[in-house]
Protein backbone atom coordinates (compact mmCIF):
# COMPACT_ATOMS: atom_id res chain seq x y z
CA MET A 1 91.27 87.71 110.11
CA GLN A 2 92.61 90.54 108.03
CA LEU A 3 91.75 94.09 107.05
CA GLN A 4 91.72 94.43 103.28
CA PRO A 5 92.15 97.98 101.92
CA LEU A 6 89.31 98.90 99.57
CA ASP A 7 91.58 101.27 97.66
CA PRO A 8 95.13 99.84 97.94
CA ALA A 9 96.58 102.35 95.47
CA ARG A 10 95.45 105.27 97.61
CA CYS A 11 96.84 104.15 100.95
CA GLY A 12 99.66 101.96 99.62
CA VAL A 13 99.18 99.04 101.98
CA GLU A 14 98.80 95.31 101.69
CA PRO A 15 96.06 93.47 103.62
CA LEU A 16 96.71 93.83 107.35
CA GLU A 17 96.84 90.47 109.08
CA LEU A 18 95.41 90.46 112.59
CA THR A 19 97.68 87.74 113.90
CA SER A 20 97.82 88.90 117.49
CA LEU A 21 95.17 90.59 119.62
CA PRO A 22 94.83 93.06 121.17
CA CYS A 23 96.20 95.09 118.28
CA VAL A 24 96.75 98.86 118.33
CA ILE A 25 96.83 100.59 114.93
CA GLY A 26 98.26 104.06 114.37
CA ARG A 27 101.22 106.14 113.20
CA SER A 28 103.41 105.50 116.23
CA ARG A 29 106.30 103.07 115.94
CA GLY A 30 105.02 101.49 119.14
CA CYS A 31 101.79 100.31 117.52
CA HIS A 32 101.32 96.65 116.60
CA LEU A 33 100.31 97.72 113.07
CA ARG A 34 101.85 101.00 111.95
CA LEU A 35 99.99 103.07 109.35
CA ASN A 36 102.11 106.14 108.73
CA LEU A 37 99.45 108.01 106.78
CA ASP A 38 98.02 111.52 106.87
CA ARG A 39 94.97 111.92 109.15
CA ILE A 40 95.76 108.79 111.16
CA SER A 41 96.60 109.46 114.81
CA ARG A 42 99.64 108.11 116.62
CA ARG A 43 97.47 105.60 118.50
CA HIS A 44 94.28 105.56 116.47
CA LEU A 45 92.31 102.45 117.45
CA GLU A 46 92.53 99.11 119.18
CA LEU A 47 91.14 95.76 118.05
CA ARG A 48 90.61 93.12 120.73
CA ARG A 49 88.72 89.93 121.47
CA ASP A 50 85.72 89.75 123.76
CA GLY A 51 84.94 86.07 123.91
CA ASP A 52 84.21 85.02 120.33
CA GLN A 53 83.64 88.60 119.20
CA LEU A 54 86.03 91.17 117.75
CA LEU A 55 85.69 94.68 119.15
CA VAL A 56 87.13 97.92 117.80
CA GLU A 57 87.68 100.94 120.04
CA ASP A 58 88.71 104.43 118.96
CA LEU A 59 91.58 105.71 121.13
CA GLY A 60 90.68 109.38 121.01
CA SER A 61 91.81 109.88 117.43
CA THR A 62 91.53 113.27 115.73
CA ASN A 63 89.73 112.05 112.63
CA GLY A 64 87.68 109.20 113.99
CA THR A 65 87.02 105.50 113.51
CA PHE A 66 83.92 104.37 111.61
CA VAL A 67 82.19 101.01 111.35
CA ASN A 68 79.89 100.71 108.33
CA ASN A 69 80.06 104.51 107.87
CA GLU A 70 79.00 105.28 111.45
CA ARG A 71 81.45 107.00 113.78
CA ILE A 72 82.01 104.95 116.92
CA ARG A 73 82.22 106.40 120.45
CA ILE A 74 82.35 103.16 122.44
CA PRO A 75 83.85 99.70 121.81
CA THR A 76 81.93 98.34 118.82
CA LEU A 77 81.46 94.88 117.35
CA LEU A 78 83.30 94.31 114.06
CA LYS A 79 82.18 91.35 111.95
CA PRO A 80 83.52 89.79 108.73
CA GLY A 81 82.23 91.83 105.82
CA ASP A 82 82.02 95.06 107.84
CA THR A 83 83.70 98.21 106.54
CA LEU A 84 86.17 99.89 108.88
CA HIS A 85 87.31 103.43 108.18
CA ILE A 86 90.48 104.50 109.96
CA ALA A 87 90.10 108.23 109.41
CA ASP A 88 89.17 108.19 105.72
CA TYR A 89 91.06 105.01 104.78
CA ALA A 90 88.62 102.19 104.08
CA PHE A 91 89.18 98.53 104.97
CA ARG A 92 86.96 95.46 105.03
CA LEU A 93 87.28 92.74 107.64
CA VAL A 94 87.59 89.32 105.99
CA GLU A 95 88.70 85.82 106.88
CA SER A 96 92.37 85.42 106.07
CA GLY A 97 94.47 82.54 104.82
CA ALA A 98 97.69 81.48 106.53
CA PRO A 99 98.55 83.99 109.28
CA GLN A 100 101.65 86.12 108.94
CA ALA A 101 104.19 86.60 111.68
CA SER A 102 103.15 89.02 114.37
CA GLY A 103 105.01 92.25 114.99
CA THR A 104 105.02 95.82 113.91
CA ARG A 105 104.26 96.49 110.29
CA ARG A 106 104.63 99.81 108.63
CA ALA A 107 102.69 101.33 105.79
CA GLY A 108 102.39 104.70 104.15
CA ARG A 109 104.86 107.51 103.69
CA ARG A 110 108.37 107.66 105.06
CA GLU A 111 107.14 110.39 107.42
CA THR A 112 103.99 112.47 107.63
CA LEU A 113 104.28 116.25 107.66
CA ALA A 114 106.23 117.17 110.81
CA GLY A 115 104.98 113.93 112.35
CA GLN A 116 101.53 115.44 112.80
CA THR A 117 98.03 114.19 112.16
CA ILE A 118 96.49 115.88 109.14
CA VAL A 119 92.92 116.86 109.94
CA GLY A 120 90.15 116.09 107.47
CA PHE A 121 88.59 113.56 105.14
CA THR A 122 88.11 112.90 101.48
CA GLU A 123 85.47 110.89 99.68
CA ASP A 124 86.36 107.30 98.84
CA PRO A 125 85.00 104.52 96.59
CA THR A 126 82.75 103.09 99.32
CA GLY A 127 80.56 106.17 99.31
CA PHE A 128 81.87 107.14 102.74
CA PRO A 129 79.57 109.99 103.78
CA VAL A 130 82.24 112.53 104.67
CA GLN A 131 82.47 114.81 101.66
CA ALA A 132 84.91 117.55 102.64
CA PRO A 133 88.47 117.07 103.89
CA GLN A 134 88.45 120.39 105.74
CA PHE A 135 85.39 119.86 107.95
CA TYR A 136 87.28 119.20 111.17
CA GLU A 137 89.55 122.15 110.51
CA LEU A 138 86.41 124.24 110.23
CA LEU A 139 85.22 122.99 113.63
CA ASN A 140 88.60 123.22 115.32
CA GLU A 141 89.20 126.79 114.14
CA SER A 142 85.55 127.99 114.20
CA LEU A 143 85.67 128.88 110.52
CA ILE A 144 81.95 129.66 110.31
CA ILE A 145 80.17 132.77 109.07
CA ALA A 146 76.81 133.38 110.71
CA GLN A 147 74.15 134.52 108.29
CA ALA A 148 70.46 135.27 108.68
CA ILE A 149 67.17 135.41 106.83
CA PRO A 150 64.70 138.11 107.96
CA ALA A 151 61.28 136.84 109.02
CA THR A 152 58.26 138.09 110.93
CA GLY A 153 56.64 136.41 113.88
CA GLN A 154 53.14 135.38 112.91
CA GLY A 155 50.58 136.96 115.21
CA ASP A 156 52.81 139.35 117.17
CA GLY A 157 54.75 140.96 114.31
CA SER A 158 58.15 140.43 115.95
CA ASP A 159 61.17 141.12 113.77
CA VAL A 160 63.20 137.92 113.59
CA LEU A 161 66.52 136.94 112.04
CA VAL A 162 66.58 133.21 111.33
CA VAL A 163 70.20 132.17 111.73
CA THR A 164 71.95 130.00 109.19
CA GLY A 165 75.61 129.51 108.41
CA ARG A 166 78.29 129.22 105.77
CA SER A 167 81.84 127.95 105.77
CA ARG A 168 84.66 130.48 105.68
CA HIS A 169 87.29 127.78 105.28
CA PRO A 170 89.44 128.80 102.29
CA THR A 171 89.02 125.48 100.48
CA LEU A 172 85.60 124.34 101.71
CA GLU A 173 82.57 125.90 100.07
CA ALA A 174 79.47 124.80 101.97
CA ASP A 175 76.23 126.35 103.13
CA HIS A 176 74.41 125.53 106.36
CA GLU A 177 72.48 122.62 104.87
CA LYS A 178 75.64 120.89 103.71
CA LEU A 179 77.53 121.62 106.93
CA ALA A 180 74.66 120.34 109.06
CA SER A 181 74.51 117.19 106.95
CA MET A 182 78.25 116.61 107.37
CA ALA A 183 77.91 117.18 111.11
CA ARG A 184 75.21 114.51 111.31
CA GLN A 185 77.32 112.05 109.33
CA LEU A 186 80.22 112.58 111.75
CA GLY A 187 78.21 112.70 114.96
CA GLU A 188 79.22 116.36 115.48
CA GLU A 189 75.73 117.91 115.48
CA ALA A 190 76.02 119.62 118.85
CA ARG A 191 79.51 120.93 118.21
CA TYR A 192 78.69 122.44 114.82
CA HIS A 193 75.39 124.01 115.89
CA GLY A 194 76.90 125.30 119.14
CA LEU A 195 79.69 127.04 117.21
CA LEU A 196 77.18 128.54 114.79
CA ARG A 197 74.91 129.79 117.60
CA ARG A 198 77.83 131.47 119.38
CA ALA A 199 79.15 132.98 116.14
CA ALA A 200 75.72 134.49 115.43
CA LEU A 201 75.40 136.03 118.89
CA GLU A 202 78.92 137.44 118.79
CA MET A 203 78.32 138.97 115.35
CA ALA A 204 75.03 140.48 116.52
CA ARG A 205 76.69 142.03 119.57
CA GLU A 206 79.57 143.43 117.54
CA SER A 207 77.10 144.89 115.03
CA GLY A 208 74.87 146.45 117.69
CA ILE A 209 71.83 144.33 116.83
CA GLU A 210 69.47 144.24 119.80
CA GLN A 211 65.88 144.54 118.63
CA PRO A 212 65.39 141.65 116.17
CA ILE A 213 65.05 138.25 117.77
CA LEU A 214 67.80 135.83 116.77
CA ALA A 215 66.25 132.42 115.99
CA LEU A 216 69.16 130.03 116.55
CA PRO A 217 69.22 126.59 114.87
CA VAL A 218 69.22 123.33 116.79
CA ASP A 219 69.69 119.74 115.62
CA PRO A 220 67.11 117.18 116.82
CA VAL A 221 69.92 115.10 118.31
CA GLU A 222 70.66 117.93 120.75
CA ILE A 223 67.13 117.74 122.10
CA GLU A 224 67.82 114.16 123.17
CA ASP A 225 70.45 115.51 125.60
CA VAL A 226 68.52 118.64 126.45
CA GLN A 227 70.37 119.48 129.68
CA LEU A 228 73.56 120.30 127.77
CA LEU A 229 71.57 122.45 125.36
CA LEU A 230 69.80 124.29 128.18
CA ALA A 231 73.10 124.91 129.97
CA GLU A 232 74.50 126.46 126.80
CA LEU A 233 71.43 128.69 126.35
CA GLN A 234 71.56 129.84 129.98
CA ASP A 235 75.20 130.76 129.43
CA PHE A 236 74.22 132.71 126.31
CA THR A 237 71.52 134.69 128.13
CA ARG A 238 74.13 135.74 130.71
CA GLN A 239 76.80 136.67 128.16
CA PHE A 240 74.52 138.34 125.64
CA ARG A 241 72.06 140.07 127.96
CA ARG A 242 70.80 142.58 125.43
CA GLN A 243 70.16 140.04 122.70
CA ARG A 244 66.69 138.57 122.30
CA ILE A 245 67.08 134.84 121.68
CA ALA A 246 64.81 132.12 120.30
CA LEU A 247 65.56 128.51 119.43
CA LEU A 248 64.26 127.40 116.03
CA VAL A 249 62.95 123.87 116.52
CA ARG A 250 61.96 121.66 113.60
CA LEU A 251 58.92 119.79 114.81
CA PRO A 252 58.69 116.70 112.55
CA GLY A 253 59.77 113.66 114.52
CA LEU A 254 59.10 115.18 117.95
CA ASP A 255 56.16 113.97 120.00
CA ALA A 256 53.74 116.36 121.66
CA ARG A 257 55.05 115.78 125.18
CA THR A 258 58.65 116.49 124.14
CA ILE A 259 57.55 119.68 122.40
CA GLU A 260 55.66 120.89 125.46
CA GLN A 261 58.49 120.07 127.86
CA LEU A 262 61.07 121.76 125.63
CA HIS A 263 58.85 124.82 125.32
CA ASP A 264 58.55 125.10 129.11
CA CYS A 265 62.29 124.60 129.67
CA LEU A 266 63.19 127.26 127.11
CA ASN A 267 60.69 129.64 128.66
CA ASP A 268 62.36 129.14 132.06
CA CYS A 269 65.70 130.07 130.45
CA GLY A 270 64.29 133.26 129.00
CA VAL A 271 64.51 131.85 125.46
CA ARG A 272 61.54 131.74 123.14
CA MET A 273 60.71 128.63 121.16
CA ALA A 274 60.42 129.34 117.45
CA VAL A 275 58.76 127.01 114.95
CA LEU A 276 58.05 127.25 111.26
CA GLU A 277 54.43 128.03 110.51
CA SER A 278 54.29 125.11 108.08
CA ASP A 279 55.33 122.72 110.88
CA ALA A 280 52.90 124.29 113.33
CA GLU A 281 49.97 123.89 110.96
CA ALA A 282 50.81 120.22 110.47
CA LEU A 283 50.83 119.54 114.21
CA GLY A 284 47.80 121.67 115.08
CA GLN A 285 46.78 121.34 118.71
CA ALA A 286 49.99 119.57 119.75
CA LEU A 287 51.72 122.93 120.17
CA PRO A 288 51.62 125.12 123.28
CA ASP A 289 49.37 128.10 122.61
CA ASP A 290 50.84 131.12 124.39
CA ARG A 291 52.82 134.25 123.63
CA ALA A 292 56.16 132.57 124.33
CA LEU A 293 55.82 130.51 121.14
CA LEU A 294 57.12 132.21 118.01
CA ARG A 295 55.66 131.06 114.70
CA LEU A 296 57.69 131.98 111.63
CA ALA A 297 57.05 132.06 107.91
CA LEU A 298 60.27 132.25 105.92
CA PRO A 299 60.27 134.32 102.72
CA ALA A 300 60.41 132.04 99.71
CA ASP A 301 62.60 134.29 97.58
CA GLN A 302 65.23 135.61 99.99
CA GLY A 303 68.53 133.96 100.67
CA PRO A 304 70.72 134.43 103.75
CA SER A 305 72.88 137.51 104.29
CA PRO A 306 75.67 138.20 106.82
CA ILE A 307 74.20 139.27 110.13
CA ASP A 308 76.10 142.56 110.22
CA GLU A 309 74.22 143.69 107.08
CA PHE A 310 71.06 143.94 109.16
CA PHE A 311 72.51 146.64 111.40
């Protein structure tokens, strides 16, 4: 078996023969296959046999390992024809001809910058879904500006700021929609949205905003592991006691029982559940009908503004 680079000119490597397993790939000289390339970690991944199957395991790399464009978190089956991204370098697993001698091979530059892993991705010819090389830098350094769109709670007239976000990375221009999409492609939904929620609350506190309700965004994936989300919200209600908090939940794809349970859990945390009026109308009677539920209609002609402008 061998890993064939899909863009040999970009990474400067020949096909990598998997002549001996297990095989650790990374920048370290101690790896079985050495790829001395930006964004690849010292010990990036391991390939090993499990019976007749070939498994790939990420070894805690900075920039991730992806099988068929999906980031892997556990040992994952790799089959001939599959695409393997080591950071943003694309390879395809194929049957090889005569095996080469085993041992350490080296590819890439003479040395990477200060021997460090460069964080980030670029787009490649396979259509790899990561579109911005600075996304992980944005997460690691919390380079997010919290913005908001003013709205009014339908029925009770509450003043609400619907939180959204924008990158403040110097070379990454991206609004909340693009950043949320990138987070989903990388499996970083909770991390991105958690950073944005905290940034919004900190900006509101610094600006003296207390009366409007902050409707914080949540990704549907976070609802699947709701205990972590609830723990974060409980922490927020302790740290930001004066701030009125709601969680803006997009209803499509959620069943009625999940919606009701989430509503009750949020209520117990002292956090209101906010939904878009358009979603609520579509679901009708599936929604809890009490004063804790906040229905919102977003203005069609108003874009987001920095939160401190609403002070």
